[in-house]
Amino acid sequence: MRFAGQNFEPLPSGALFWHSQRTLLVADLHFEKMASFARRGQMLPPYDTGMTLARLEADLRRTGAQRLVSLGDSFHRADASSLLTNSDRMRIDAMTDMVDCIWLSGNHDPVPHAIGGTCLAELELAGISLAHEPRRGAAGLIAGHLHPAAHIYIEGRTTRRPCFVHDNRLLILPAYGASTGSINILSPAFVGLFHWPALEVTMLGKDRTYPVSPKRLVRG
């Protein structure tokens, strides 16, 4: 994937590997989402953080990344770091010892948390801005927040999958967390963000990613 003069590798997990910076970008991990629901009386199995960490550990091994940047909403709520199990906390500690971890603030976790690494509001790296929320009119911005998905019509049937989407000015990553949902990129939440003639969409598959023509996109 070519974006803003840089080369990136979109991974089937939803992570984006920036080769020249040896940096793995992820968005919307939403650690401890199920534990947060359980606190409100919805008794859901609290395994989402462990599943997300396993995916993240595999991507770090595969890419050999030296830096991890999480583009906000790393935790589902501001105090969710206190809900981590000892096992998951140890896995995150091991990760922060292995690579340089940068956690950007999101709308779910706007304040710095107590795990290792560096907490920032936004970050600029090699001329590209990294932030949680996309902005209209941005140039060279990589963000998350909207959990994009492509709903396509092909060979008489429809398929919907999370996706990367960009117009060479704004790039939005799919949500990475195991318990996260997605929003169709044709929904009102995306209106006005992209210059459609330049739009590029890359869907997540089971073992690879797939470029998709915007002409195949459908609502729903």
C-alpha atoms as a PDB file:
ATOM      1  CA  MET A   1       0.000   0.000   0.000  1.00  0.00           C
ATOM      2  CA  ARG A   2       1.358   3.398  -1.030  1.00  0.00           C
ATOM      3  CA  PHE A   3       0.193   6.302   1.112  1.00  0.00           C
ATOM      4  CA  ALA A   4       1.532   9.857   1.399  1.00  0.00           C
ATOM      5  CA  GLY A   5       4.822   8.895  -0.250  1.00  0.00           C
ATOM      6  CA  GLN A   6       5.464   5.929   2.083  1.00  0.00           C
ATOM      7  CA  ASN A   7       5.137   2.162   1.631  1.00  0.00           C
ATOM      8  CA  PHE A   8       3.016   0.134   4.059  1.00  0.00           C
ATOM      9  CA  GLU A   9       2.025  -3.519   4.336  1.00  0.00           C
ATOM     10  CA  PRO A  10      -1.619  -4.102   5.352  1.00  0.00           C
ATOM     11  CA  LEU A  11      -1.879  -7.318   7.368  1.00  0.00           C
ATOM     12  CA  PRO A  12      -4.883  -9.680   7.497  1.00  0.00           C
ATOM     13  CA  SER A  13      -5.121  -9.000  11.242  1.00  0.00           C
ATOM     14  CA  GLY A  14      -5.902  -5.331  10.634  1.00  0.00           C
ATOM     15  CA  ALA A  15      -2.434  -4.059  11.561  1.00  0.00           C
ATOM     16  CA  LEU A  16      -0.376  -1.892   9.210  1.00  0.00           C
ATOM     17  CA  PHE A  17       3.380  -2.400   8.983  1.00  0.00           C
ATOM     18  CA  TRP A  18       5.485   0.630   8.063  1.00  0.00           C
ATOM     19  CA  HIS A  19       8.649  -0.950   6.724  1.00  0.00           C
ATOM     20  CA  SER A  20      10.974   2.064   6.598  1.00  0.00           C
ATOM     21  CA  GLN A  21      10.155   2.973  10.217  1.00  0.00           C
ATOM     22  CA  ARG A  22      10.071  -0.637  11.490  1.00  0.00           C
ATOM     23  CA  THR A  23       6.732   0.367  13.033  1.00  0.00           C
ATOM     24  CA  LEU A  24       3.535  -1.621  13.516  1.00  0.00           C
ATOM     25  CA  LEU A  25       0.372   0.496  13.568  1.00  0.00           C
ATOM     26  CA  VAL A  26      -2.861  -0.750  15.136  1.00  0.00           C
ATOM     27  CA  ALA A  27      -6.138   0.970  16.009  1.00  0.00           C
ATOM     28  CA  ASP A  28      -8.928   0.366  18.486  1.00  0.00           C
ATOM     29  CA  LEU A  29      -7.633  -2.553  20.542  1.00  0.00           C
ATOM     30  CA  HIS A  30     -10.350  -1.976  23.159  1.00  0.00           C
ATOM     31  CA  PHE A  31      -8.583  -4.054  25.817  1.00  0.00           C
ATOM     32  CA  GLU A  32     -10.919  -5.182  28.635  1.00  0.00           C
ATOM     33  CA  LYS A  33     -14.118  -4.401  26.736  1.00  0.00           C
ATOM     34  CA  MET A  34     -15.848  -7.550  27.998  1.00  0.00           C
ATOM     35  CA  ALA A  35     -14.674  -6.912  31.564  1.00  0.00           C
ATOM     36  CA  SER A  36     -16.130  -3.400  31.317  1.00  0.00           C
ATOM     37  CA  PHE A  37     -19.470  -4.857  30.218  1.00  0.00           C
ATOM     38  CA  ALA A  38     -19.345  -7.366  33.076  1.00  0.00           C
ATOM     39  CA  ARG A  39     -19.018  -4.477  35.546  1.00  0.00           C
ATOM     40  CA  ARG A  40     -22.375  -3.223  34.243  1.00  0.00           C
ATOM     41  CA  GLY A  41     -24.011  -6.605  34.756  1.00  0.00           C
ATOM     42  CA  GLN A  42     -23.589  -8.076  31.260  1.00  0.00           C
ATOM     43  CA  MET A  43     -21.849 -11.357  32.010  1.00  0.00           C
ATOM     44  CA  LEU A  44     -19.757 -11.867  28.878  1.00  0.00           C
ATOM     45  CA  PRO A  45     -16.672 -14.118  28.617  1.00  0.00           C
ATOM     46  CA  PRO A  46     -13.615 -11.976  29.474  1.00  0.00           C
ATOM     47  CA  TYR A  47     -11.224 -13.460  26.913  1.00  0.00           C
ATOM     48  CA  ASP A  48     -11.066 -10.630  24.378  1.00  0.00           C
ATOM     49  CA  THR A  49      -7.876  -9.032  25.732  1.00  0.00           C
ATOM     50  CA  GLY A  50      -5.982 -12.326  25.619  1.00  0.00           C
ATOM     51  CA  MET A  51      -7.136 -12.962  22.043  1.00  0.00           C
ATOM     52  CA  THR A  52      -6.100  -9.471  20.949  1.00  0.00           C
ATOM     53  CA  LEU A  53      -2.706  -9.809  22.653  1.00  0.00           C
ATOM     54  CA  ALA A  54      -2.067 -13.150  20.926  1.00  0.00           C
ATOM     55  CA  ARG A  55      -2.769 -11.524  17.556  1.00  0.00           C
ATOM     56  CA  LEU A  56      -0.525  -8.572  18.409  1.00  0.00           C
ATOM     57  CA  GLU A  57       2.346 -10.779  19.597  1.00  0.00           C
ATOM     58  CA  ALA A  58       2.163 -12.787  16.353  1.00  0.00           C
ATOM     59  CA  ASP A  59       2.266  -9.631  14.209  1.00  0.00           C
ATOM     60  CA  LEU A  60       5.261  -8.259  16.116  1.00  0.00           C
ATOM     61  CA  ARG A  61       7.128 -11.544  15.636  1.00  0.00           C
ATOM     62  CA  ARG A  62       6.232 -11.793  11.970  1.00  0.00           C
ATOM     63  CA  THR A  63       7.210  -8.242  11.049  1.00  0.00           C
ATOM     64  CA  GLY A  64      10.169  -7.803  13.385  1.00  0.00           C
ATOM     65  CA  ALA A  65       8.802  -4.352  14.239  1.00  0.00           C
ATOM     66  CA  GLN A  66      10.853  -2.289  16.670  1.00  0.00           C
ATOM     67  CA  ARG A  67       8.054   0.154  17.457  1.00  0.00           C
ATOM     68  CA  LEU A  68       4.330  -0.295  18.144  1.00  0.00           C
ATOM     69  CA  VAL A  69       1.926   2.633  17.812  1.00  0.00           C
ATOM     70  CA  SER A  70      -1.640   2.121  19.006  1.00  0.00           C
ATOM     71  CA  LEU A  71      -3.894   4.804  17.498  1.00  0.00           C
ATOM     72  CA  GLY A  72      -6.180   5.305  20.483  1.00  0.00           C
ATOM     73  CA  ASP A  73      -8.908   3.352  22.250  1.00  0.00           C
ATOM     74  CA  SER A  74      -6.301   0.855  23.380  1.00  0.00           C
ATOM     75  CA  PHE A  75      -8.563   0.347  26.410  1.00  0.00           C
ATOM     76  CA  HIS A  76     -12.346   0.302  26.304  1.00  0.00           C
ATOM     77  CA  ARG A  77     -12.649   2.798  29.150  1.00  0.00           C
ATOM     78  CA  ALA A  78     -10.325   5.165  30.979  1.00  0.00           C
ATOM     79  CA  ASP A  79      -9.894   2.921  34.043  1.00  0.00           C
ATOM     80  CA  ALA A  80      -9.825  -0.397  32.160  1.00  0.00           C
ATOM     81  CA  SER A  81      -6.090  -0.934  32.675  1.00  0.00           C
ATOM     82  CA  SER A  82      -6.962  -1.735  36.301  1.00  0.00           C
ATOM     83  CA  LEU A  83      -9.125  -4.638  35.089  1.00  0.00           C
ATOM     84  CA  LEU A  84      -6.261  -6.519  33.415  1.00  0.00           C
ATOM     85  CA  THR A  85      -5.591 -10.019  34.703  1.00  0.00           C
ATOM     86  CA  ASN A  86      -2.096 -10.672  36.043  1.00  0.00           C
ATOM     87  CA  SER A  87      -1.380 -12.844  33.020  1.00  0.00           C
ATOM     88  CA  ASP A  88      -2.422 -10.204  30.485  1.00  0.00           C
ATOM     89  CA  ARG A  89      -0.579  -7.480  32.387  1.00  0.00           C
ATOM     90  CA  MET A  90       2.605  -9.587  32.257  1.00  0.00           C
ATOM     91  CA  ARG A  91       2.171 -10.078  28.507  1.00  0.00           C
ATOM     92  CA  ILE A  92       1.818  -6.338  27.966  1.00  0.00           C
ATOM     93  CA  ASP A  93       4.845  -5.680  30.198  1.00  0.00           C
ATOM     94  CA  ALA A  94       6.867  -8.157  28.113  1.00  0.00           C
ATOM     95  CA  MET A  95       5.735  -6.401  24.941  1.00  0.00           C
ATOM     96  CA  THR A  96       6.747  -2.958  26.218  1.00  0.00           C
ATOM     97  CA  ASP A  97      10.157  -4.372  27.182  1.00  0.00           C
ATOM     98  CA  MET A  98      10.623  -5.847  23.702  1.00  0.00           C
ATOM     99  CA  VAL A  99       9.563  -2.896  21.504  1.00  0.00           C
ATOM    100  CA  ASP A 100       9.033   0.841  21.853  1.00  0.00           C
ATOM    101  CA  CYS A 101       5.301   1.132  22.581  1.00  0.00           C
ATOM    102  CA  ILE A 102       3.437   4.398  22.003  1.00  0.00           C
ATOM    103  CA  TRP A 103      -0.191   4.641  23.102  1.00  0.00           C
ATOM    104  CA  LEU A 104      -2.199   7.510  21.612  1.00  0.00           C
ATOM    105  CA  SER A 105      -5.258   8.726  23.488  1.00  0.00           C
ATOM    106  CA  GLY A 106      -8.740   7.976  22.143  1.00  0.00           C
ATOM    107  CA  ASN A 107     -12.294   8.878  23.044  1.00  0.00           C
ATOM    108  CA  HIS A 108     -12.569   5.730  25.212  1.00  0.00           C
ATOM    109  CA  ASP A 109      -9.196   6.240  26.939  1.00  0.00           C
ATOM    110  CA  PRO A 110      -8.465   9.994  26.876  1.00  0.00           C
ATOM    111  CA  VAL A 111      -6.108  10.029  29.862  1.00  0.00           C
ATOM    112  CA  PRO A 112      -2.697   8.340  30.223  1.00  0.00           C
ATOM    113  CA  HIS A 113      -2.806   4.821  31.646  1.00  0.00           C
ATOM    114  CA  ALA A 114      -0.412   3.060  33.983  1.00  0.00           C
ATOM    115  CA  ILE A 115       1.032   0.370  31.687  1.00  0.00           C
ATOM    116  CA  GLY A 116       4.486   0.609  30.122  1.00  0.00           C
ATOM    117  CA  GLY A 117       5.395   2.663  27.097  1.00  0.00           C
ATOM    118  CA  THR A 118       4.680   6.292  26.231  1.00  0.00           C
ATOM    119  CA  CYS A 119       1.231   7.924  26.227  1.00  0.00           C
ATOM    120  CA  LEU A 120       0.696  10.785  23.768  1.00  0.00           C
ATOM    121  CA  ALA A 121      -2.244  12.688  22.312  1.00  0.00           C
ATOM    122  CA  GLU A 122      -0.901  12.539  18.747  1.00  0.00           C
ATOM    123  CA  LEU A 123       2.375  11.755  17.002  1.00  0.00           C
ATOM    124  CA  GLU A 124       4.150  12.856  13.834  1.00  0.00           C
ATOM    125  CA  LEU A 125       6.548  10.391  12.244  1.00  0.00           C
ATOM    126  CA  ALA A 126       8.472  10.913   8.986  1.00  0.00           C
ATOM    127  CA  GLY A 127       6.050  13.645   7.949  1.00  0.00           C
ATOM    128  CA  ILE A 128       2.901  11.583   8.609  1.00  0.00           C
ATOM    129  CA  SER A 129       0.488  12.444  11.413  1.00  0.00           C
ATOM    130  CA  LEU A 130      -0.872   9.669  13.627  1.00  0.00           C
ATOM    131  CA  ALA A 131      -4.014  10.283  15.676  1.00  0.00           C
ATOM    132  CA  HIS A 132      -7.142   8.546  16.894  1.00  0.00           C
ATOM    133  CA  GLU A 133      -9.906  10.435  15.116  1.00  0.00           C
ATOM    134  CA  PRO A 134      -9.922  11.221  11.381  1.00  0.00           C
ATOM    135  CA  ARG A 135     -10.302  14.856  10.342  1.00  0.00           C
ATOM    136  CA  ARG A 136     -11.902  16.330   7.248  1.00  0.00           C
ATOM    137  CA  GLY A 137      -9.388  18.040   4.987  1.00  0.00           C
ATOM    138  CA  ALA A 138      -6.434  16.296   6.628  1.00  0.00           C
ATOM    139  CA  ALA A 139      -3.316  15.615   4.588  1.00  0.00           C
ATOM    140  CA  GLY A 140      -0.997  12.739   5.508  1.00  0.00           C
ATOM    141  CA  LEU A 141      -3.057  11.518   8.490  1.00  0.00           C
ATOM    142  CA  ILE A 142      -3.416   7.921   9.653  1.00  0.00           C
ATOM    143  CA  ALA A 143      -6.257   7.342  12.133  1.00  0.00           C
ATOM    144  CA  GLY A 144      -8.688   4.801  13.555  1.00  0.00           C
ATOM    145  CA  HIS A 145     -11.887   5.384  15.545  1.00  0.00           C
ATOM    146  CA  LEU A 146     -14.489   4.566  12.856  1.00  0.00           C
ATOM    147  CA  HIS A 147     -13.903   0.778  12.542  1.00  0.00           C
ATOM    148  CA  PRO A 148     -14.287   0.771   8.719  1.00  0.00           C
ATOM    149  CA  ALA A 149     -15.762  -2.170   6.811  1.00  0.00           C
ATOM    150  CA  ALA A 150     -16.419  -2.733   3.109  1.00  0.00           C
ATOM    151  CA  HIS A 151     -19.662  -4.333   1.989  1.00  0.00           C
ATOM    152  CA  ILE A 152     -19.218  -5.552  -1.576  1.00  0.00           C
ATOM    153  CA  TYR A 153     -21.280  -7.252  -4.254  1.00  0.00           C
ATOM    154  CA  ILE A 154     -19.436  -9.881  -6.290  1.00  0.00           C
ATOM    155  CA  GLU A 155     -20.534 -12.898  -8.309  1.00  0.00           C
ATOM    156  CA  GLY A 156     -24.163 -12.611  -7.257  1.00  0.00           C
ATOM    157  CA  ARG A 157     -23.594 -12.357  -3.520  1.00  0.00           C
ATOM    158  CA  THR A 158     -22.544  -9.807  -0.931  1.00  0.00           C
ATOM    159  CA  THR A 159     -19.670  -9.965   1.528  1.00  0.00           C
ATOM    160  CA  ARG A 160     -18.805  -7.626   4.379  1.00  0.00           C
ATOM    161  CA  ARG A 161     -15.366  -7.445   5.989  1.00  0.00           C
ATOM    162  CA  PRO A 162     -13.289  -4.891   7.935  1.00  0.00           C
ATOM    163  CA  CYS A 163     -11.034  -2.861   5.678  1.00  0.00           C
ATOM    164  CA  PHE A 164      -8.324  -0.264   5.281  1.00  0.00           C
ATOM    165  CA  VAL A 165      -9.519   2.792   3.360  1.00  0.00           C
ATOM    166  CA  HIS A 166      -7.579   5.830   2.104  1.00  0.00           C
ATOM    167  CA  ASP A 167      -7.476   8.532  -0.565  1.00  0.00           C
ATOM    168  CA  ASN A 168      -3.728   9.260  -0.245  1.00  0.00           C
ATOM    169  CA  ARG A 169      -4.526  12.075   2.208  1.00  0.00           C
ATOM    170  CA  LEU A 170      -6.383  10.248   4.976  1.00  0.00           C
ATOM    171  CA  LEU A 171      -5.944   6.573   5.880  1.00  0.00           C
ATOM    172  CA  ILE A 172      -8.256   4.843   8.369  1.00  0.00           C
ATOM    173  CA  LEU A 173      -7.337   1.479   9.883  1.00  0.00           C
ATOM    174  CA  PRO A 174      -9.837  -1.252  10.754  1.00  0.00           C
ATOM    175  CA  ALA A 175     -10.447  -2.000  14.413  1.00  0.00           C
ATOM    176  CA  TYR A 176      -7.893  -4.520  15.696  1.00  0.00           C
ATOM    177  CA  GLY A 177      -9.522  -5.701  18.937  1.00  0.00           C
ATOM    178  CA  ALA A 178     -11.098  -9.141  19.124  1.00  0.00           C
ATOM    179  CA  SER A 179     -14.409  -7.762  20.445  1.00  0.00           C
ATOM    180  CA  THR A 180     -14.833  -4.775  18.133  1.00  0.00           C
ATOM    181  CA  GLY A 181     -17.510  -4.236  15.492  1.00  0.00           C
ATOM    182  CA  SER A 182     -17.352  -2.347  12.200  1.00  0.00           C
ATOM    183  CA  ILE A 183     -19.131   0.383  10.220  1.00  0.00           C
ATOM    184  CA  ASN A 184     -19.803   0.342   6.476  1.00  0.00           C
ATOM    185  CA  ILE A 185     -17.654   2.976   4.783  1.00  0.00           C
ATOM    186  CA  LEU A 186     -20.743   4.077   2.839  1.00  0.00           C
ATOM    187  CA  SER A 187     -22.493   5.028   6.093  1.00  0.00           C
ATOM    188  CA  PRO A 188     -23.035   8.674   7.179  1.00  0.00           C
ATOM    189  CA  ALA A 189     -20.067   8.500   9.586  1.00  0.00           C
ATOM    190  CA  PHE A 190     -17.663   8.615   6.612  1.00  0.00           C
ATOM    191  CA  VAL A 191     -19.390  11.329   4.577  1.00  0.00           C
ATOM    192  CA  GLY A 192     -17.023  14.132   3.601  1.00  0.00           C
ATOM    193  CA  LEU A 193     -13.852  12.425   4.813  1.00  0.00           C
ATOM    194  CA  PHE A 194     -12.542  11.078   1.495  1.00  0.00           C
ATOM    195  CA  HIS A 195     -11.992  12.292  -2.044  1.00  0.00           C
ATOM    196  CA  TRP A 196     -13.800   9.441  -3.783  1.00  0.00           C
ATOM    197  CA  PRO A 197     -12.033   9.457  -7.180  1.00  0.00           C
ATOM    198  CA  ALA A 198      -8.803   8.605  -5.329  1.00  0.00           C
ATOM    199  CA  LEU A 199     -10.344   6.078  -2.927  1.00  0.00           C
ATOM    200  CA  GLU A 200      -8.505   2.780  -2.304  1.00  0.00           C
ATOM    201  CA  VAL A 201     -10.077  -0.011  -0.251  1.00  0.00           C
ATOM    202  CA  THR A 202      -8.297  -3.111   1.069  1.00  0.00           C
ATOM    203  CA  MET A 203     -10.450  -5.790   2.723  1.00  0.00           C
ATOM    204  CA  LEU A 204      -9.252  -8.234   5.355  1.00  0.00           C
ATOM    205  CA  GLY A 205      -9.387 -11.904   4.394  1.00  0.00           C
ATOM    206  CA  LYS A 206      -8.601 -14.989   6.427  1.00  0.00           C
ATOM    207  CA  ASP A 207      -4.970 -15.259   5.365  1.00  0.00           C
ATOM    208  CA  ARG A 208      -4.389 -12.206   3.170  1.00  0.00           C
ATOM    209  CA  THR A 209      -5.781  -8.808   2.233  1.00  0.00           C
ATOM    210  CA  TYR A 210      -7.689  -7.997  -0.962  1.00  0.00           C
ATOM    211  CA  PRO A 211      -7.843  -4.757  -2.948  1.00  0.00           C
ATOM    212  CA  VAL A 212     -11.458  -3.882  -3.755  1.00  0.00           C
ATOM    213  CA  SER A 213     -12.782  -1.592  -6.463  1.00  0.00           C
ATOM    214  CA  PRO A 214     -14.996   1.153  -4.956  1.00  0.00           C
ATOM    215  CA  LYS A 215     -17.461   0.326  -7.754  1.00  0.00           C
ATOM    216  CA  ARG A 216     -18.266  -2.932  -5.944  1.00  0.00           C
ATOM    217  CA  LEU A 217     -19.223  -1.232  -2.665  1.00  0.00           C
ATOM    218  CA  VAL A 218     -22.851  -1.466  -1.563  1.00  0.00           C
ATOM    219  CA  ARG A 219     -24.769  -0.078   1.382  1.00  0.00           C
ATOM    220  CA  GLY A 220     -25.998  -2.178   4.283  1.00  0.00           C
END
